[in-house]
């Protein structure tokens, strides 16, 4: 158990580059170096994380912990992977609230924000080539983009897309309504009428997001923008971008963006409940689904719904990229940074860690000059 804890503490401290990089590092440590799992077992667990909501690399850590040391290992591996990033982001959130108006900090964020746009564009490029397998799925992605830009609730878009693919493949009786077919009818509900942030309501918003977050961790931006910026007005779009930038520049799960936002809303207590809310569903879903994985993998309905949800997730990512791009690409230097970042990522596959570092340095130089 101590070796399991130490491995995931180290990974949580050094795993830069997003979920794909995290998964590659886990494969190297768990399969190649330690032989805890065979490659086939590891790939089965990777596939399993795509069948449930939540941050994929965090759920993979939780799965590995369960395979290695049962239910206690599930808790230890997941918590140790999350903890380092949470503490780092907590420190940065404190510094941001205290020193955020300083020119140097503003310059760093000025340069990082366009790079975030480039990172999301690159994620869309790679995920789109994998997820959009047919013209029909491409049309579904375009419809999701249009619906998101028109203000349709993002959970409704995901649910409808999953149902649409299942219907198109003849896996759901056409007489059934989507609401009757879906096991989670609360997906189509909004965030409620909360006007001010308190610890309970902060937890409620983040646990809801954690419970329905399919696809790449970057889809998190769409969910947080819809709830926290558009509906509740708890934070500004600029603050959201700052939070996403911090999530990118730190190691570990991108979802620790929630820690940063929670601190802005309620100090250390807000950070704690937001972090608990965003990650708690991942532990629950892994615990519930792990014993059922053999049947889930063979389920044509699960496969169809996952295809639809993944495509709709790409649509949400594209829509939110358009929106936040207007806020961060404000002049020629920021546009040039975004284009340069996209080229470096797509053509040369530069690590997002180095890209964010380059953006921060360039931003400081531009603002000081």
Protein backbone atom coordinates (compact mmCIF):
# COMPACT_ATOMS: atom_id res chain seq x y z
CA UNK A 1 0.00 0.00 0.00
CA UNK A 2 2.86 2.39 0.77
CA UNK A 3 4.39 1.75 -2.65
CA UNK A 4 0.99 2.42 -4.26
CA UNK A 5 0.65 5.68 -2.32
CA UNK A 6 4.19 6.80 -3.14
CA UNK A 7 3.82 6.07 -6.87
CA UNK A 8 0.66 8.15 -7.22
CA UNK A 9 2.01 10.97 -5.06
CA UNK A 10 5.00 11.16 -7.44
CA UNK A 11 2.76 10.96 -10.51
CA UNK A 12 0.44 13.61 -9.09
CA UNK A 13 3.46 15.90 -8.62
CA UNK A 14 5.11 15.33 -12.00
CA UNK A 15 2.33 14.38 -14.44
CA UNK A 16 2.13 17.41 -16.72
CA UNK A 17 0.55 17.44 -20.16
CA UNK A 18 -3.08 16.43 -19.68
CA UNK A 19 -4.92 13.08 -19.51
CA UNK A 20 -3.18 11.44 -22.47
CA UNK A 21 0.24 12.16 -20.95
CA UNK A 22 -0.95 10.97 -17.52
CA UNK A 23 -2.15 7.67 -18.97
CA UNK A 24 1.15 7.16 -20.79
CA UNK A 25 3.10 7.76 -17.57
CA UNK A 26 0.90 5.30 -15.66
CA UNK A 27 1.39 2.65 -18.34
CA UNK A 28 5.15 3.08 -18.11
CA UNK A 29 5.18 2.81 -14.30
CA UNK A 30 2.48 0.18 -13.72
CA UNK A 31 3.01 -2.12 -16.71
CA UNK A 32 6.60 -1.66 -17.91
CA UNK A 33 8.48 -0.96 -14.69
CA UNK A 34 6.49 -2.71 -11.96
CA UNK A 35 4.53 -5.39 -13.82
CA UNK A 36 1.44 -4.82 -11.66
CA UNK A 37 -0.81 -5.25 -14.72
CA UNK A 38 -0.42 -6.75 -18.17
CA UNK A 39 -0.78 -4.41 -21.12
CA UNK A 40 -4.12 -6.04 -21.95
CA UNK A 41 -5.42 -5.47 -18.41
CA UNK A 42 -4.23 -1.86 -18.52
CA UNK A 43 -5.97 -1.20 -21.84
CA UNK A 44 -9.16 -2.73 -20.46
CA UNK A 45 -9.08 -0.23 -17.59
CA UNK A 46 -8.43 2.66 -19.99
CA UNK A 47 -11.47 1.61 -22.01
CA UNK A 48 -13.53 1.31 -18.84
CA UNK A 49 -12.88 4.95 -17.90
CA UNK A 50 -14.51 6.03 -21.17
CA UNK A 51 -17.77 4.33 -20.21
CA UNK A 52 -18.35 6.45 -17.10
CA UNK A 53 -18.38 10.20 -16.44
CA UNK A 54 -15.46 11.91 -14.78
CA UNK A 55 -11.77 12.75 -15.36
CA UNK A 56 -10.28 9.78 -17.20
CA UNK A 57 -6.75 9.80 -15.83
CA UNK A 58 -7.97 10.17 -12.24
CA UNK A 59 -10.41 7.30 -12.75
CA UNK A 60 -7.59 5.20 -14.21
CA UNK A 61 -5.54 5.82 -11.06
CA UNK A 62 -8.55 4.77 -8.96
CA UNK A 63 -9.02 1.60 -11.07
CA UNK A 64 -5.33 0.69 -10.72
CA UNK A 65 -5.54 1.14 -6.96
CA UNK A 66 -8.53 -1.20 -6.78
CA UNK A 67 -6.83 -3.83 -8.95
CA UNK A 68 -3.68 -3.66 -6.82
CA UNK A 69 -5.03 -3.39 -3.27
CA UNK A 70 -8.83 -3.69 -3.38
CA UNK A 71 -11.14 -1.04 -1.98
CA UNK A 72 -8.53 0.61 0.30
CA UNK A 73 -6.21 0.84 -2.71
CA UNK A 74 -8.99 2.52 -4.68
CA UNK A 75 -9.12 5.34 -2.13
CA UNK A 76 -5.36 5.62 -1.63
CA UNK A 77 -4.38 5.73 -5.31
CA UNK A 78 -7.05 8.26 -6.24
CA UNK A 79 -6.43 10.54 -3.27
CA UNK A 80 -2.65 10.49 -3.72
CA UNK A 81 -2.93 11.35 -7.41
CA UNK A 82 -5.23 14.30 -6.67
CA UNK A 83 -3.55 15.68 -3.52
CA UNK A 84 -0.31 17.21 -4.91
CA UNK A 85 -2.07 19.18 -7.64
CA UNK A 86 -4.73 20.33 -5.19
CA UNK A 87 -2.13 21.74 -2.80
CA UNK A 88 -0.21 23.45 -5.62
CA UNK A 89 -3.38 25.00 -7.05
CA UNK A 90 -4.46 26.08 -3.56
CA UNK A 91 -1.19 27.99 -3.15
CA UNK A 92 -1.57 29.60 -6.56
CA UNK A 93 -5.16 30.58 -5.78
CA UNK A 94 -4.02 32.31 -2.60
CA UNK A 95 -1.31 34.15 -4.55
CA UNK A 96 -3.78 35.07 -7.29
CA UNK A 97 -6.27 36.63 -4.88
CA UNK A 98 -3.51 38.56 -3.16
CA UNK A 99 -1.23 39.53 -6.05
CA UNK A 100 -3.41 39.06 -9.12
CA UNK A 101 -3.40 42.75 -9.99
CA UNK A 102 0.41 42.93 -10.26
CA UNK A 103 1.67 43.59 -13.82
CA UNK A 104 3.90 40.49 -13.82
CA UNK A 105 0.98 38.18 -12.99
CA UNK A 106 -1.25 39.92 -15.51
CA UNK A 107 1.47 39.49 -18.12
CA UNK A 108 1.80 35.76 -17.41
CA UNK A 109 -1.94 35.25 -17.81
CA UNK A 110 -2.02 37.50 -20.90
CA UNK A 111 0.34 35.09 -22.62
CA UNK A 112 -1.08 31.86 -21.21
CA UNK A 113 -4.72 32.45 -22.17
CA UNK A 114 -4.10 32.27 -25.95
CA UNK A 115 -2.14 29.07 -25.39
CA UNK A 116 -5.18 27.58 -23.61
CA UNK A 117 -7.15 28.23 -26.79
CA UNK A 118 -4.45 26.44 -28.79
CA UNK A 119 -4.46 23.48 -26.38
CA UNK A 120 -8.22 23.09 -26.67
CA UNK A 121 -8.03 23.36 -30.48
CA UNK A 122 -5.38 20.63 -30.52
CA UNK A 123 -7.50 18.44 -28.27
CA UNK A 124 -10.46 18.96 -30.60
CA UNK A 125 -8.29 18.03 -33.58
CA UNK A 126 -7.04 14.76 -32.07
CA UNK A 127 -10.29 13.72 -30.42
CA UNK A 128 -12.34 14.66 -33.47
CA UNK A 129 -10.34 12.37 -35.75
CA UNK A 130 -11.02 9.51 -33.35
CA UNK A 131 -14.64 10.21 -32.40
CA UNK A 132 -16.19 11.45 -35.66
CA UNK A 133 -16.12 8.21 -37.60
CA UNK A 134 -18.97 8.92 -40.04
CA UNK A 135 -20.68 11.84 -41.79
CA UNK A 136 -23.68 11.24 -39.51
CA UNK A 137 -21.57 11.71 -36.37
CA UNK A 138 -20.03 14.83 -37.92
CA UNK A 139 -23.51 16.24 -38.44
CA UNK A 140 -24.35 15.42 -34.84
CA UNK A 141 -21.24 17.30 -33.68
CA UNK A 142 -22.24 20.33 -35.78
CA UNK A 143 -25.74 20.20 -34.29
CA UNK A 144 -24.23 20.12 -30.79
CA UNK A 145 -22.13 23.20 -31.57
CA UNK A 146 -25.17 25.07 -32.87
CA UNK A 147 -27.30 24.06 -29.88
CA UNK A 148 -24.60 25.13 -27.43
CA UNK A 149 -24.17 28.52 -29.13
CA UNK A 150 -27.96 28.99 -29.00
CA UNK A 151 -27.92 28.43 -25.24
CA UNK A 152 -29.32 24.90 -24.95
CA UNK A 153 -28.30 23.31 -21.64
CA UNK A 154 -25.12 21.30 -22.10
CA UNK A 155 -26.49 18.29 -20.19
CA UNK A 156 -29.51 18.21 -22.48
CA UNK A 157 -27.17 18.21 -25.49
CA UNK A 158 -25.17 15.27 -24.14
CA UNK A 159 -28.26 13.27 -23.22
CA UNK A 160 -29.95 13.92 -26.56
CA UNK A 161 -26.83 12.97 -28.53
CA UNK A 162 -26.43 9.69 -26.68
CA UNK A 163 -30.11 8.86 -27.22
CA UNK A 164 -29.93 9.86 -30.90
CA UNK A 165 -27.11 7.43 -31.68
CA UNK A 166 -28.81 4.62 -29.78
CA UNK A 167 -32.04 5.29 -31.70
CA UNK A 168 -30.23 5.50 -35.04
CA UNK A 169 -28.64 2.11 -34.42
CA UNK A 170 -32.01 0.60 -33.52
CA UNK A 171 -31.00 -0.08 -29.91
CA UNK A 172 -33.90 1.81 -28.28
CA UNK A 173 -37.57 1.32 -29.21
CA UNK A 174 -38.63 4.38 -31.18
CA UNK A 175 -41.88 4.65 -29.19
CA UNK A 176 -39.96 5.38 -26.02
CA UNK A 177 -39.33 8.94 -24.95
CA UNK A 178 -35.81 10.06 -24.21
CA UNK A 179 -36.81 10.92 -20.63
CA UNK A 180 -38.16 7.40 -20.06
CA UNK A 181 -35.10 5.76 -21.64
CA UNK A 182 -32.44 7.73 -19.77
CA UNK A 183 -31.56 6.34 -16.33
CA UNK A 184 -30.65 9.83 -15.11
CA UNK A 185 -33.59 12.17 -15.84
CA UNK A 186 -32.00 14.89 -13.74
CA UNK A 187 -29.44 15.39 -16.52
CA UNK A 188 -31.77 17.84 -18.22
CA UNK A 189 -32.31 20.02 -15.15
CA UNK A 190 -30.53 23.30 -14.68
CA UNK A 191 -28.36 24.45 -11.81
CA UNK A 192 -31.26 25.99 -9.94
CA UNK A 193 -31.86 29.51 -8.84
CA UNK A 194 -28.82 30.00 -6.65
CA UNK A 195 -27.94 33.68 -6.47
CA UNK A 196 -24.98 33.68 -4.10
CA UNK A 197 -22.23 31.17 -3.43
CA UNK A 198 -22.11 29.28 -0.14
CA UNK A 199 -20.28 26.08 0.70
CA UNK A 200 -23.31 23.84 0.21
CA UNK A 201 -24.25 25.37 -3.14
CA UNK A 202 -20.61 25.34 -4.32
CA UNK A 203 -20.43 21.64 -3.49
CA UNK A 204 -23.73 21.04 -5.30
CA UNK A 205 -22.57 22.70 -8.52
CA UNK A 206 -19.25 20.86 -8.63
CA UNK A 207 -20.62 17.44 -7.69
CA UNK A 208 -23.17 17.82 -10.51
CA UNK A 209 -20.42 18.64 -13.00
CA UNK A 210 -18.27 15.76 -11.76
CA UNK A 211 -21.20 13.38 -12.14
CA UNK A 212 -21.88 14.15 -15.81
CA UNK A 213 -18.48 15.11 -17.23
CA UNK A 214 -17.95 12.86 -20.25
CA UNK A 215 -15.14 13.18 -22.75
CA UNK A 216 -11.93 15.16 -22.40
CA UNK A 217 -11.18 17.14 -19.28
CA UNK A 218 -11.40 20.24 -21.46
CA UNK A 219 -15.18 19.78 -21.65
CA UNK A 220 -15.02 20.94 -18.03
CA UNK A 221 -14.59 24.48 -19.37
CA UNK A 222 -17.98 24.31 -21.09
CA UNK A 223 -19.75 23.07 -17.97
CA UNK A 224 -18.14 25.60 -15.64
CA UNK A 225 -18.75 28.49 -18.01
CA UNK A 226 -22.43 27.56 -18.40
CA UNK A 227 -23.05 27.27 -14.65
CA UNK A 228 -20.65 29.68 -12.97
CA UNK A 229 -20.40 32.46 -15.56
CA UNK A 230 -23.67 32.42 -17.49
CA UNK A 231 -26.28 31.16 -15.01
CA UNK A 232 -25.02 31.95 -11.52
CA UNK A 233 -22.66 34.87 -12.28
CA UNK A 234 -20.33 33.76 -9.49
CA UNK A 235 -17.18 34.41 -11.52
CA UNK A 236 -16.31 36.29 -14.69
CA UNK A 237 -15.20 34.68 -17.94
CA UNK A 238 -11.75 36.15 -17.35
CA UNK A 239 -11.54 34.45 -13.95
CA UNK A 240 -12.60 31.17 -15.54
CA UNK A 241 -9.80 31.45 -18.08
CA UNK A 242 -7.35 32.23 -15.29
CA UNK A 243 -8.54 29.12 -13.43
CA UNK A 244 -8.14 26.95 -16.54
CA UNK A 245 -4.67 28.41 -17.10
CA UNK A 246 -3.68 27.45 -13.56
CA UNK A 247 -5.05 23.96 -14.16
CA UNK A 248 -2.86 23.70 -17.26
CA UNK A 249 0.35 25.03 -15.74
CA UNK A 250 0.19 22.63 -12.77
CA UNK A 251 0.65 18.84 -12.78
CA UNK A 252 -2.05 16.29 -12.12
CA UNK A 253 -5.73 16.35 -13.07
CA UNK A 254 -7.02 19.32 -15.08
CA UNK A 255 -10.12 19.15 -12.86
CA UNK A 256 -8.19 20.79 -10.02
CA UNK A 257 -9.37 23.92 -11.81
CA UNK A 258 -12.29 23.42 -9.39
CA UNK A 259 -9.93 23.96 -6.44
CA UNK A 260 -8.92 27.35 -7.79
CA UNK A 261 -12.50 28.46 -8.46
CA UNK A 262 -13.65 27.17 -5.08
CA UNK A 263 -10.98 29.29 -3.38
CA UNK A 264 -12.15 32.38 -5.27
CA UNK A 265 -15.73 31.70 -4.13
CA UNK A 266 -15.15 30.72 -0.51
CA UNK A 267 -11.51 30.68 0.51
CA UNK A 268 -9.97 27.41 1.79
CA UNK A 269 -13.40 26.01 2.66
CA UNK A 270 -14.68 26.72 -0.83
CA UNK A 271 -11.58 25.10 -2.33
CA UNK A 272 -12.11 21.99 -0.20
CA UNK A 273 -15.79 21.47 -1.05
CA UNK A 274 -15.28 22.25 -4.75
CA UNK A 275 -12.43 19.71 -4.95
CA UNK A 276 -14.46 17.10 -3.08
CA UNK A 277 -17.46 17.75 -5.31
CA UNK A 278 -15.63 17.46 -8.63
CA UNK A 279 -13.78 14.25 -7.73
CA UNK A 280 -16.22 12.37 -5.46
CA UNK A 281 -18.35 11.03 -8.37
CA UNK A 282 -15.25 9.47 -9.96
CA UNK A 283 -14.64 7.32 -6.86
CA UNK A 284 -18.32 6.37 -6.71
CA UNK A 285 -18.58 5.50 -10.41
CA UNK A 286 -15.41 3.40 -10.39
CA UNK A 287 -16.56 1.55 -7.26
CA UNK A 288 -19.94 0.82 -8.82
CA UNK A 289 -18.84 0.03 -12.36
CA UNK A 290 -15.66 -1.99 -11.76
CA UNK A 291 -17.49 -5.25 -10.89
CA UNK A 292 -19.78 -4.73 -13.91
CA UNK A 293 -17.08 -4.03 -16.49
CA UNK A 294 -17.19 -7.37 -18.34
CA UNK A 295 -20.87 -6.82 -19.22
CA UNK A 296 -20.51 -3.09 -19.92
CA UNK A 297 -17.73 -3.65 -22.43
CA UNK A 298 -19.93 -5.99 -24.43
CA UNK A 299 -23.03 -3.78 -24.31
CA UNK A 300 -24.01 -2.33 -27.72
CA UNK A 301 -26.23 0.23 -25.98
CA UNK A 302 -23.34 1.49 -23.84
CA UNK A 303 -21.14 1.69 -26.93
CA UNK A 304 -23.76 3.66 -28.88
CA UNK A 305 -24.46 6.11 -26.07
CA UNK A 306 -20.73 6.64 -25.55
CA UNK A 307 -20.25 7.44 -29.25
CA UNK A 308 -23.03 10.02 -29.11
CA UNK A 309 -21.86 11.58 -25.85
CA UNK A 310 -18.26 11.82 -27.05
CA UNK A 311 -19.30 13.58 -30.27
CA UNK A 312 -21.56 15.99 -28.36
CA UNK A 313 -18.69 16.67 -25.95
CA UNK A 314 -16.56 17.76 -28.89
CA UNK A 315 -19.37 20.09 -29.94
CA UNK A 316 -19.46 21.64 -26.49
CA UNK A 317 -15.69 22.06 -26.55
CA UNK A 318 -15.85 23.79 -29.92
CA UNK A 319 -18.65 26.12 -28.83
CA UNK A 320 -16.88 27.16 -25.65
CA UNK A 321 -13.63 27.67 -27.59
CA UNK A 322 -15.43 30.17 -29.79
CA UNK A 323 -16.78 32.01 -26.74
CA UNK A 324 -13.60 32.15 -24.69
CA UNK A 325 -11.57 32.93 -27.80
CA UNK A 326 -13.40 36.24 -28.08
CA UNK A 327 -12.35 37.08 -24.52
CA UNK A 328 -8.70 36.08 -24.77
CA UNK A 329 -7.70 36.85 -28.37
CA UNK A 330 -7.91 40.60 -27.98
CA UNK A 331 -5.07 41.90 -30.17
CA UNK A 332 -2.44 40.89 -32.73
CA UNK A 333 0.07 39.42 -30.20
CA UNK A 334 -2.54 37.18 -28.56
CA UNK A 335 -3.81 35.96 -31.94
CA UNK A 336 -0.23 35.26 -33.02
CA UNK A 337 0.41 33.33 -29.80
CA UNK A 338 -2.71 31.19 -30.31
CA UNK A 339 -1.78 30.38 -33.92
CA UNK A 340 1.82 29.60 -32.97
CA UNK A 341 0.66 27.40 -30.10
CA UNK A 342 -1.74 25.47 -32.34
CA UNK A 343 1.01 24.84 -34.91
CA UNK A 344 3.48 23.68 -32.25
CA UNK A 345 0.93 21.32 -30.76
CA UNK A 346 -0.57 19.85 -33.92
CA UNK A 347 2.51 19.77 -36.15
CA UNK A 348 5.29 19.13 -33.61
CA UNK A 349 3.29 17.66 -30.68
CA UNK A 350 4.99 19.94 -28.16
CA UNK A 351 4.04 19.20 -24.56
CA UNK A 352 1.32 21.49 -23.24
CA UNK A 353 3.53 22.16 -20.19
CA UNK A 354 6.19 23.77 -22.40
CA UNK A 355 3.56 25.61 -24.39
CA UNK A 356 2.05 27.18 -21.28
CA UNK A 357 5.53 28.08 -20.02
CA UNK A 358 6.35 29.70 -23.37
CA UNK A 359 3.09 31.65 -23.28
CA UNK A 360 3.73 32.91 -19.76
CA UNK A 361 7.27 34.07 -20.54
CA UNK A 362 6.16 35.73 -23.77
CA UNK A 363 3.28 37.44 -21.98
CA UNK A 364 5.62 38.90 -19.34
CA UNK A 365 8.05 40.13 -21.99
CA UNK A 366 5.26 41.74 -24.04
CA UNK A 367 3.66 43.51 -21.08
CA UNK A 368 6.97 44.68 -19.62
CA UNK A 369 8.11 45.92 -23.01
